[in-house]
Amino acid sequence: MNELKNRQDVERASRVEALLQNPLINEAFEELEKGFVDAWKGSAIADSQNREHIYQLLQALEALKGHFEKVLQDGKLAKERLKL
């Protein structure tokens, strides 16, 4: 990998880290997940379409968290490569 790409990965990781240290971001993740789970638990037995939608929302939320985690990991690896 080239040095420019490594530096970009380190910068992106730094931005994600700052985002994840923001209490409002963490509150949003927690409230969304809680709201989705509560909606799922409160859904009618016959309402499989709504439960499927809630499942998709939870999956999207986890995908967002997973993307942030990947950016953080990429930044750590890039930092090691640059020996910063």
C-alpha atoms as a PDB file:
ATOM      1  CA  MET A   1       0.000   0.000   0.000  1.00  0.00           C
ATOM      2  CA  ASN A   2       1.158   3.455  -0.665  1.00  0.00           C
ATOM      3  CA  GLU A   3       1.819   6.086   1.931  1.00  0.00           C
ATOM      4  CA  LEU A   4      -0.990   8.379   0.761  1.00  0.00           C
ATOM      5  CA  LYS A   5      -3.620   5.644   1.176  1.00  0.00           C
ATOM      6  CA  ASN A   6      -2.280   4.810   4.641  1.00  0.00           C
ATOM      7  CA  ARG A   7      -2.439   8.459   5.684  1.00  0.00           C
ATOM      8  CA  GLN A   8      -5.991   8.706   4.369  1.00  0.00           C
ATOM      9  CA  ASP A   9      -6.976   5.613   6.358  1.00  0.00           C
ATOM     10  CA  VAL A  10      -5.458   7.094   9.517  1.00  0.00           C
ATOM     11  CA  GLU A  11      -7.376  10.347   8.956  1.00  0.00           C
ATOM     12  CA  ARG A  12     -10.647   8.521   8.313  1.00  0.00           C
ATOM     13  CA  ALA A  13     -10.178   6.483  11.486  1.00  0.00           C
ATOM     14  CA  SER A  14      -9.543   9.663  13.428  1.00  0.00           C
ATOM     15  CA  ARG A  15     -12.811  11.135  12.142  1.00  0.00           C
ATOM     16  CA  VAL A  16     -14.773   8.009  13.016  1.00  0.00           C
ATOM     17  CA  GLU A  17     -13.227   7.921  16.471  1.00  0.00           C
ATOM     18  CA  ALA A  18     -14.317  11.524  17.040  1.00  0.00           C
ATOM     19  CA  LEU A  19     -17.815  10.654  15.864  1.00  0.00           C
ATOM     20  CA  LEU A  20     -18.060   7.671  18.185  1.00  0.00           C
ATOM     21  CA  GLN A  21     -16.920   9.769  21.136  1.00  0.00           C
ATOM     22  CA  ASN A  22     -19.867  12.095  20.591  1.00  0.00           C
ATOM     23  CA  PRO A  23     -22.510  11.206  23.185  1.00  0.00           C
ATOM     24  CA  LEU A  24     -25.327  12.113  20.787  1.00  0.00           C
ATOM     25  CA  ILE A  25     -24.148   9.532  18.246  1.00  0.00           C
ATOM     26  CA  ASN A  26     -23.984   6.815  20.890  1.00  0.00           C
ATOM     27  CA  GLU A  27     -27.362   7.863  22.254  1.00  0.00           C
ATOM     28  CA  ALA A  28     -28.834   7.662  18.747  1.00  0.00           C
ATOM     29  CA  PHE A  29     -27.456   4.147  18.222  1.00  0.00           C
ATOM     30  CA  GLU A  30     -28.801   2.997  21.585  1.00  0.00           C
ATOM     31  CA  GLU A  31     -32.227   4.628  21.165  1.00  0.00           C
ATOM     32  CA  LEU A  32     -32.666   3.322  17.627  1.00  0.00           C
ATOM     33  CA  GLU A  33     -31.735  -0.212  18.629  1.00  0.00           C
ATOM     34  CA  LYS A  34     -34.002  -0.095  21.675  1.00  0.00           C
ATOM     35  CA  GLY A  35     -36.863   1.318  19.616  1.00  0.00           C
ATOM     36  CA  PHE A  36     -36.483  -1.358  16.947  1.00  0.00           C
ATOM     37  CA  VAL A  37     -36.347  -4.183  19.513  1.00  0.00           C
ATOM     38  CA  ASP A  38     -39.339  -2.782  21.407  1.00  0.00           C
ATOM     39  CA  ALA A  39     -41.297  -2.497  18.148  1.00  0.00           C
ATOM     40  CA  TRP A  40     -40.401  -6.089  17.293  1.00  0.00           C
ATOM     41  CA  LYS A  41     -41.454  -7.346  20.728  1.00  0.00           C
ATOM     42  CA  GLY A  42     -44.707  -5.413  20.524  1.00  0.00           C
ATOM     43  CA  SER A  43     -45.625  -6.567  17.041  1.00  0.00           C
ATOM     44  CA  ALA A  44     -48.660  -8.736  16.468  1.00  0.00           C
ATOM     45  CA  ILE A  45     -48.089 -12.412  15.729  1.00  0.00           C
ATOM     46  CA  ALA A  46     -49.685 -12.025  12.301  1.00  0.00           C
ATOM     47  CA  ASP A  47     -47.612  -8.938  11.414  1.00  0.00           C
ATOM     48  CA  SER A  48     -44.665 -10.700   9.823  1.00  0.00           C
ATOM     49  CA  GLN A  49     -44.223  -7.940   7.229  1.00  0.00           C
ATOM     50  CA  ASN A  50     -43.637  -5.357   9.974  1.00  0.00           C
ATOM     51  CA  ARG A  51     -41.232  -7.660  11.822  1.00  0.00           C
ATOM     52  CA  GLU A  52     -39.283  -8.191   8.599  1.00  0.00           C
ATOM     53  CA  HIS A  53     -39.019  -4.425   8.163  1.00  0.00           C
ATOM     54  CA  ILE A  54     -37.806  -4.010  11.753  1.00  0.00           C
ATOM     55  CA  TYR A  55     -35.250  -6.768  11.180  1.00  0.00           C
ATOM     56  CA  GLN A  56     -33.974  -4.930   8.104  1.00  0.00           C
ATOM     57  CA  LEU A  57     -33.679  -1.713  10.117  1.00  0.00           C
ATOM     58  CA  LEU A  58     -31.663  -3.514  12.797  1.00  0.00           C
ATOM     59  CA  GLN A  59     -29.432  -5.033  10.118  1.00  0.00           C
ATOM     60  CA  ALA A  60     -28.838  -1.597   8.581  1.00  0.00           C
ATOM     61  CA  LEU A  61     -27.931  -0.159  11.983  1.00  0.00           C
ATOM     62  CA  GLU A  62     -25.469  -3.008  12.574  1.00  0.00           C
ATOM     63  CA  ALA A  63     -24.014  -2.500   9.088  1.00  0.00           C
ATOM     64  CA  LEU A  64     -23.378   1.163   9.908  1.00  0.00           C
ATOM     65  CA  LYS A  65     -21.673   0.236  13.169  1.00  0.00           C
ATOM     66  CA  GLY A  66     -19.680  -2.424  11.327  1.00  0.00           C
ATOM     67  CA  HIS A  67     -18.535   0.086   8.736  1.00  0.00           C
ATOM     68  CA  PHE A  68     -17.296   2.418  11.456  1.00  0.00           C
ATOM     69  CA  GLU A  69     -15.445  -0.479  13.105  1.00  0.00           C
ATOM     70  CA  LYS A  70     -13.816  -1.408   9.794  1.00  0.00           C
ATOM     71  CA  VAL A  71     -12.661   2.170   9.259  1.00  0.00           C
ATOM     72  CA  LEU A  72     -11.153   2.152  12.768  1.00  0.00           C
ATOM     73  CA  GLN A  73      -9.364  -1.152  12.141  1.00  0.00           C
ATOM     74  CA  ASP A  74      -8.082   0.017   8.755  1.00  0.00           C
ATOM     75  CA  GLY A  75      -6.733   3.145  10.441  1.00  0.00           C
ATOM     76  CA  LYS A  76      -4.931   1.120  13.089  1.00  0.00           C
ATOM     77  CA  LEU A  77      -3.298  -1.076  10.464  1.00  0.00           C
ATOM     78  CA  ALA A  78      -2.334   1.960   8.381  1.00  0.00           C
ATOM     79  CA  LYS A  79      -0.851   3.627  11.436  1.00  0.00           C
ATOM     80  CA  GLU A  80       1.300   0.542  12.069  1.00  0.00           C
ATOM     81  CA  ARG A  81       2.422   0.529   8.445  1.00  0.00           C
ATOM     82  CA  LEU A  82       3.410   4.174   8.724  1.00  0.00           C
ATOM     83  CA  LYS A  83       4.986   3.510  12.144  1.00  0.00           C
ATOM     84  CA  LEU A  84       3.290   6.580  13.623  1.00  0.00           C
END
